[in-house]
Amino acid sequence: MEPTSLHVWRTSANLLMNYVRLDAGIPKRLHFTDDYLVERAIADKETGKIKRAKSLVFWVDREEGEDVAKSFSVLSEKLAAHLQPFLKDKEYTKYDFIITKMGDGFYTDFNVQPILKPE
């Protein structure tokens, strides 16, 4: 069964999230284990109107070299285009990806570096 909601746990020391967030200018190294598509209703930032969008979601088992159990949701068509060639036969499982978000809003772009994991 695919997840339908976000679960957040609080501890006395910090806030733990089960999703990956990209911050502009900060590279993030991720390893994906599975993927699926989700249809979402999102509000357009300019008009406020609701529109339907498909989101590519990956399960993440490693973030910055640490074991995690998170999801990484891709709404950006630019970022999805970088990852698309690795979807066939789940080729992405053989790679770590260093993803850097650049800019914000309409001008957001992404630098994606696939790194083949040693066998």
N, C-alpha and C. Protein backbone atom coordinates (compact mmCIF):
# COMPACT_ATOMS: atom_id res chain seq x y z
N MET A 1 0.85 -1.19 0.00
CA MET A 1 0.00 0.00 0.00
C MET A 1 0.88 1.24 0.00
N GLU A 2 0.56 2.22 -0.80
CA GLU A 2 1.33 3.44 -0.90
C GLU A 2 0.93 4.42 0.20
N PRO A 3 1.89 5.22 0.67
CA PRO A 3 1.54 6.18 1.72
C PRO A 3 0.59 7.25 1.20
N THR A 4 -0.30 7.69 2.07
CA THR A 4 -1.25 8.72 1.67
C THR A 4 -1.14 9.97 2.53
N SER A 5 -0.35 9.92 3.57
CA SER A 5 -0.21 11.10 4.42
C SER A 5 1.21 11.18 4.96
N LEU A 6 1.54 12.34 5.44
CA LEU A 6 2.86 12.59 6.00
C LEU A 6 2.80 12.39 7.50
N HIS A 7 3.73 11.63 8.00
CA HIS A 7 3.80 11.40 9.44
C HIS A 7 5.03 12.12 9.98
N VAL A 8 4.85 12.87 11.03
CA VAL A 8 5.95 13.61 11.63
C VAL A 8 6.05 13.20 13.09
N TRP A 9 7.25 12.88 13.51
CA TRP A 9 7.49 12.53 14.90
C TRP A 9 8.37 13.60 15.53
N ARG A 10 8.03 13.98 16.75
CA ARG A 10 8.84 14.95 17.47
C ARG A 10 9.58 14.22 18.60
N THR A 11 10.83 14.58 18.78
CA THR A 11 11.58 14.10 19.93
C THR A 11 11.97 15.33 20.73
N SER A 12 12.53 15.12 21.90
CA SER A 12 12.91 16.26 22.71
C SER A 12 14.08 17.02 22.09
N ALA A 13 14.87 16.37 21.24
CA ALA A 13 16.04 17.03 20.67
C ALA A 13 15.78 17.67 19.31
N ASN A 14 14.92 17.07 18.49
CA ASN A 14 14.76 17.60 17.13
C ASN A 14 13.44 17.13 16.52
N LEU A 15 13.23 17.58 15.31
CA LEU A 15 12.04 17.20 14.54
C LEU A 15 12.48 16.22 13.46
N LEU A 16 11.87 15.06 13.40
CA LEU A 16 12.21 14.05 12.41
C LEU A 16 11.14 14.05 11.33
N MET A 17 11.56 14.07 10.06
CA MET A 17 10.62 14.08 8.95
C MET A 17 10.82 12.83 8.11
N ASN A 18 9.77 12.36 7.47
CA ASN A 18 9.91 11.18 6.62
C ASN A 18 9.91 11.55 5.14
N TYR A 19 10.27 12.78 4.82
CA TYR A 19 10.42 13.18 3.42
C TYR A 19 11.72 13.97 3.27
N VAL A 20 12.25 13.98 2.05
CA VAL A 20 13.49 14.70 1.75
C VAL A 20 13.14 16.09 1.24
N ARG A 21 13.80 17.09 1.78
CA ARG A 21 13.61 18.47 1.35
C ARG A 21 14.90 18.97 0.73
N LEU A 22 14.79 19.62 -0.43
CA LEU A 22 15.95 20.24 -1.07
C LEU A 22 15.95 21.73 -0.76
N ASP A 23 17.10 22.24 -0.31
CA ASP A 23 17.28 23.67 -0.08
C ASP A 23 18.18 24.20 -1.18
N ALA A 24 17.87 25.38 -1.70
CA ALA A 24 18.63 25.98 -2.81
C ALA A 24 20.11 26.09 -2.46
N GLY A 25 20.95 25.62 -3.39
CA GLY A 25 22.39 25.73 -3.25
C GLY A 25 23.07 24.69 -2.39
N ILE A 26 22.30 23.80 -1.78
CA ILE A 26 22.88 22.78 -0.90
C ILE A 26 22.70 21.40 -1.54
N PRO A 27 23.82 20.77 -1.97
CA PRO A 27 23.72 19.44 -2.59
C PRO A 27 23.21 18.40 -1.59
N LYS A 28 22.42 17.46 -2.09
CA LYS A 28 21.87 16.39 -1.25
C LYS A 28 22.17 15.06 -1.94
N ARG A 29 22.83 14.13 -1.24
CA ARG A 29 23.15 12.81 -1.81
C ARG A 29 22.09 11.81 -1.35
N LEU A 30 21.44 11.16 -2.34
CA LEU A 30 20.33 10.25 -2.05
C LEU A 30 20.50 8.93 -2.78
N HIS A 31 19.95 7.86 -2.19
CA HIS A 31 19.85 6.57 -2.87
C HIS A 31 18.38 6.14 -2.83
N PHE A 32 17.86 5.76 -4.00
CA PHE A 32 16.45 5.38 -4.15
C PHE A 32 16.31 3.86 -4.23
N THR A 33 15.21 3.33 -3.66
CA THR A 33 14.96 1.89 -3.71
C THR A 33 13.71 1.52 -4.50
N ASP A 34 12.78 2.46 -4.66
CA ASP A 34 11.52 2.18 -5.37
C ASP A 34 10.90 3.50 -5.81
N ASP A 35 9.93 3.41 -6.73
CA ASP A 35 9.26 4.62 -7.21
C ASP A 35 7.79 4.33 -7.48
N TYR A 36 6.99 5.38 -7.50
CA TYR A 36 5.58 5.30 -7.88
C TYR A 36 5.10 6.69 -8.25
N LEU A 37 3.95 6.76 -8.92
CA LEU A 37 3.36 8.04 -9.31
C LEU A 37 2.15 8.34 -8.43
N VAL A 38 2.00 9.62 -8.11
CA VAL A 38 0.87 10.09 -7.30
C VAL A 38 0.26 11.29 -8.02
N GLU A 39 -1.07 11.35 -8.07
CA GLU A 39 -1.72 12.55 -8.60
C GLU A 39 -2.08 13.44 -7.42
N ARG A 40 -1.70 14.71 -7.54
CA ARG A 40 -1.91 15.66 -6.44
C ARG A 40 -2.73 16.86 -6.92
N ALA A 41 -3.43 17.48 -5.99
CA ALA A 41 -4.09 18.76 -6.24
C ALA A 41 -3.22 19.82 -5.59
N ILE A 42 -2.69 20.74 -6.40
CA ILE A 42 -1.82 21.78 -5.86
C ILE A 42 -2.33 23.15 -6.26
N ALA A 43 -2.02 24.15 -5.44
CA ALA A 43 -2.43 25.52 -5.72
C ALA A 43 -1.33 26.24 -6.51
N ASP A 44 -1.70 26.87 -7.60
CA ASP A 44 -0.77 27.67 -8.38
C ASP A 44 -0.35 28.88 -7.55
N LYS A 45 0.96 29.13 -7.41
CA LYS A 45 1.45 30.23 -6.58
C LYS A 45 1.02 31.60 -7.11
N GLU A 46 0.90 31.72 -8.41
CA GLU A 46 0.55 33.01 -9.02
C GLU A 46 -0.94 33.31 -8.93
N THR A 47 -1.76 32.32 -9.29
CA THR A 47 -3.21 32.56 -9.38
C THR A 47 -4.00 32.05 -8.19
N GLY A 48 -3.41 31.11 -7.45
CA GLY A 48 -4.13 30.51 -6.33
C GLY A 48 -5.10 29.42 -6.74
N LYS A 49 -5.23 29.19 -8.06
CA LYS A 49 -6.15 28.16 -8.55
C LYS A 49 -5.57 26.77 -8.33
N ILE A 50 -6.47 25.84 -8.06
CA ILE A 50 -6.07 24.45 -7.85
C ILE A 50 -5.91 23.77 -9.21
N LYS A 51 -4.82 23.01 -9.34
CA LYS A 51 -4.62 22.23 -10.56
C LYS A 51 -4.14 20.84 -10.17
N ARG A 52 -4.34 19.88 -11.06
CA ARG A 52 -3.92 18.50 -10.85
C ARG A 52 -2.52 18.34 -11.42
N ALA A 53 -1.67 17.64 -10.70
CA ALA A 53 -0.31 17.39 -11.17
C ALA A 53 0.11 15.99 -10.75
N LYS A 54 0.88 15.34 -11.61
CA LYS A 54 1.44 14.04 -11.28
C LYS A 54 2.81 14.25 -10.64
N SER A 55 3.05 13.49 -9.61
CA SER A 55 4.30 13.59 -8.88
C SER A 55 4.98 12.23 -8.90
N LEU A 56 6.26 12.22 -9.26
CA LEU A 56 7.07 11.01 -9.20
C LEU A 56 7.64 10.95 -7.79
N VAL A 57 7.41 9.84 -7.10
CA VAL A 57 7.87 9.70 -5.72
C VAL A 57 8.84 8.54 -5.63
N PHE A 58 9.95 8.77 -4.95
CA PHE A 58 10.95 7.73 -4.71
C PHE A 58 11.01 7.40 -3.23
N TRP A 59 11.24 6.12 -2.90
CA TRP A 59 11.58 5.72 -1.55
C TRP A 59 13.07 5.90 -1.41
N VAL A 60 13.50 6.53 -0.33
CA VAL A 60 14.92 6.82 -0.08
C VAL A 60 15.37 5.98 1.12
N ASP A 61 16.48 5.21 0.92
CA ASP A 61 17.00 4.42 2.04
C ASP A 61 18.32 4.98 2.58
N ARG A 62 18.96 5.88 1.80
CA ARG A 62 20.19 6.53 2.27
C ARG A 62 20.16 8.01 1.88
N GLU A 63 20.45 8.85 2.87
CA GLU A 63 20.54 10.30 2.66
C GLU A 63 21.84 10.77 3.30
N GLU A 64 22.69 11.37 2.49
CA GLU A 64 23.99 11.84 2.98
C GLU A 64 24.77 10.71 3.68
N GLY A 65 24.66 9.49 3.15
CA GLY A 65 25.40 8.35 3.70
C GLY A 65 24.79 7.72 4.93
N GLU A 66 23.67 8.24 5.39
CA GLU A 66 23.00 7.71 6.59
C GLU A 66 21.77 6.89 6.20
N ASP A 67 21.51 5.81 6.92
CA ASP A 67 20.30 5.02 6.70
C ASP A 67 19.07 5.84 7.09
N VAL A 68 18.08 5.88 6.20
CA VAL A 68 16.83 6.60 6.46
C VAL A 68 15.67 5.79 5.87
N ALA A 69 14.47 6.17 6.19
CA ALA A 69 13.25 5.64 5.57
C ALA A 69 12.39 6.86 5.24
N LYS A 70 12.63 7.44 4.04
CA LYS A 70 11.97 8.68 3.65
C LYS A 70 11.43 8.55 2.23
N SER A 71 10.65 9.54 1.85
CA SER A 71 10.21 9.63 0.45
C SER A 71 10.71 10.95 -0.12
N PHE A 72 10.88 10.96 -1.44
CA PHE A 72 11.35 12.13 -2.17
C PHE A 72 10.37 12.36 -3.31
N SER A 73 9.59 13.43 -3.23
CA SER A 73 8.55 13.71 -4.20
C SER A 73 9.05 14.72 -5.22
N VAL A 74 8.90 14.37 -6.51
CA VAL A 74 9.38 15.22 -7.61
C VAL A 74 8.17 15.78 -8.35
N LEU A 75 7.91 17.08 -8.16
CA LEU A 75 6.85 17.77 -8.91
C LEU A 75 7.42 18.49 -10.13
N SER A 76 8.68 18.87 -10.05
CA SER A 76 9.31 19.63 -11.13
C SER A 76 9.54 18.76 -12.36
N GLU A 77 9.05 19.21 -13.50
CA GLU A 77 9.28 18.49 -14.75
C GLU A 77 10.76 18.51 -15.11
N LYS A 78 11.46 19.60 -14.75
CA LYS A 78 12.90 19.68 -15.03
C LYS A 78 13.66 18.59 -14.28
N LEU A 79 13.35 18.42 -13.00
CA LEU A 79 14.03 17.40 -12.21
C LEU A 79 13.62 16.00 -12.67
N ALA A 80 12.35 15.81 -12.95
CA ALA A 80 11.87 14.51 -13.43
C ALA A 80 12.58 14.10 -14.72
N ALA A 81 12.85 15.07 -15.60
CA ALA A 81 13.55 14.78 -16.86
C ALA A 81 14.96 14.25 -16.61
N HIS A 82 15.63 14.75 -15.57
CA HIS A 82 16.96 14.26 -15.21
C HIS A 82 16.92 12.80 -14.74
N LEU A 83 15.85 12.44 -14.03
CA LEU A 83 15.75 11.12 -13.42
C LEU A 83 15.08 10.08 -14.32
N GLN A 84 14.33 10.52 -15.31
CA GLN A 84 13.56 9.65 -16.21
C GLN A 84 14.39 8.51 -16.82
N PRO A 85 15.61 8.76 -17.32
CA PRO A 85 16.37 7.67 -17.94
C PRO A 85 16.71 6.52 -16.99
N PHE A 86 16.63 6.75 -15.69
CA PHE A 86 16.98 5.73 -14.70
C PHE A 86 15.78 4.93 -14.22
N LEU A 87 14.57 5.26 -14.69
CA LEU A 87 13.36 4.58 -14.23
C LEU A 87 13.23 3.17 -14.80
N LYS A 88 13.66 2.97 -16.04
CA LYS A 88 13.52 1.66 -16.68
C LYS A 88 14.26 0.60 -15.87
N ASP A 89 13.54 -0.45 -15.52
CA ASP A 89 14.10 -1.57 -14.74
C ASP A 89 14.72 -1.12 -13.42
N LYS A 90 14.26 0.03 -12.91
CA LYS A 90 14.74 0.55 -11.62
C LYS A 90 16.27 0.70 -11.60
N GLU A 91 16.81 1.19 -12.72
CA GLU A 91 18.26 1.41 -12.84
C GLU A 91 18.78 2.32 -11.74
N TYR A 92 17.94 3.20 -11.22
CA TYR A 92 18.35 4.15 -10.18
C TYR A 92 18.89 3.46 -8.94
N THR A 93 18.51 2.19 -8.71
CA THR A 93 18.99 1.49 -7.51
C THR A 93 20.50 1.24 -7.56
N LYS A 94 21.09 1.34 -8.74
CA LYS A 94 22.53 1.13 -8.90
C LYS A 94 23.34 2.41 -8.67
N TYR A 95 22.65 3.52 -8.38
CA TYR A 95 23.30 4.82 -8.29
C TYR A 95 22.95 5.54 -7.00
N ASP A 96 23.86 6.41 -6.58
CA ASP A 96 23.54 7.49 -5.66
C ASP A 96 23.37 8.72 -6.54
N PHE A 97 22.52 9.64 -6.13
CA PHE A 97 22.30 10.87 -6.88
C PHE A 97 22.62 12.05 -5.99
N ILE A 98 23.47 12.94 -6.49
CA ILE A 98 23.71 14.21 -5.80
C ILE A 98 22.86 15.25 -6.54
N ILE A 99 21.86 15.76 -5.85
CA ILE A 99 20.90 16.69 -6.45
C ILE A 99 21.05 18.05 -5.77
N THR A 100 21.25 19.07 -6.59
CA THR A 100 21.37 20.43 -6.08
C THR A 100 20.29 21.29 -6.72
N LYS A 101 19.46 21.86 -5.88
CA LYS A 101 18.42 22.79 -6.34
C LYS A 101 19.06 24.17 -6.49
N MET A 102 18.79 24.82 -7.62
CA MET A 102 19.33 26.15 -7.87
C MET A 102 18.19 27.11 -8.17
N GLY A 103 18.16 28.23 -7.49
CA GLY A 103 17.12 29.22 -7.71
C GLY A 103 15.84 28.88 -6.97
N ASP A 104 14.79 29.67 -7.30
CA ASP A 104 13.52 29.48 -6.63
C ASP A 104 12.39 29.87 -7.58
N GLY A 105 11.22 29.37 -7.33
CA GLY A 105 10.05 29.71 -8.14
C GLY A 105 10.17 29.24 -9.57
N PHE A 106 9.71 30.08 -10.51
CA PHE A 106 9.69 29.73 -11.92
C PHE A 106 11.09 29.46 -12.47
N TYR A 107 12.11 30.08 -11.87
CA TYR A 107 13.47 29.96 -12.37
C TYR A 107 14.26 28.82 -11.71
N THR A 108 13.61 27.99 -10.94
CA THR A 108 14.29 26.88 -10.29
C THR A 108 14.83 25.90 -11.32
N ASP A 109 16.07 25.47 -11.11
CA ASP A 109 16.68 24.45 -11.95
C ASP A 109 17.38 23.46 -11.03
N PHE A 110 17.84 22.35 -11.59
CA PHE A 110 18.46 21.30 -10.80
C PHE A 110 19.71 20.79 -11.47
N ASN A 111 20.73 20.52 -10.67
CA ASN A 111 21.92 19.84 -11.13
C ASN A 111 21.85 18.44 -10.54
N VAL A 112 21.92 17.41 -11.39
CA VAL A 112 21.81 16.03 -10.94
C VAL A 112 23.05 15.28 -11.38
N GLN A 113 23.77 14.70 -10.41
CA GLN A 113 24.96 13.91 -10.70
C GLN A 113 24.71 12.47 -10.26
N PRO A 114 24.56 11.53 -11.22
CA PRO A 114 24.44 10.12 -10.84
C PRO A 114 25.82 9.55 -10.56
N ILE A 115 25.97 8.81 -9.47
CA ILE A 115 27.23 8.19 -9.11
C ILE A 115 26.99 6.69 -9.01
N LEU A 116 27.61 5.93 -9.92
CA LEU A 116 27.45 4.48 -9.94
C LEU A 116 28.04 3.89 -8.67
N LYS A 117 27.24 3.08 -7.98
CA LYS A 117 27.69 2.45 -6.74
C LYS A 117 28.55 1.23 -7.09
N PRO A 118 29.65 1.01 -6.36
CA PRO A 118 30.46 -0.17 -6.64
C PRO A 118 29.69 -1.45 -6.32
N GLU A 119 29.92 -2.47 -7.09
CA GLU A 119 29.20 -3.75 -6.90
C GLU A 119 29.85 -4.59 -5.84
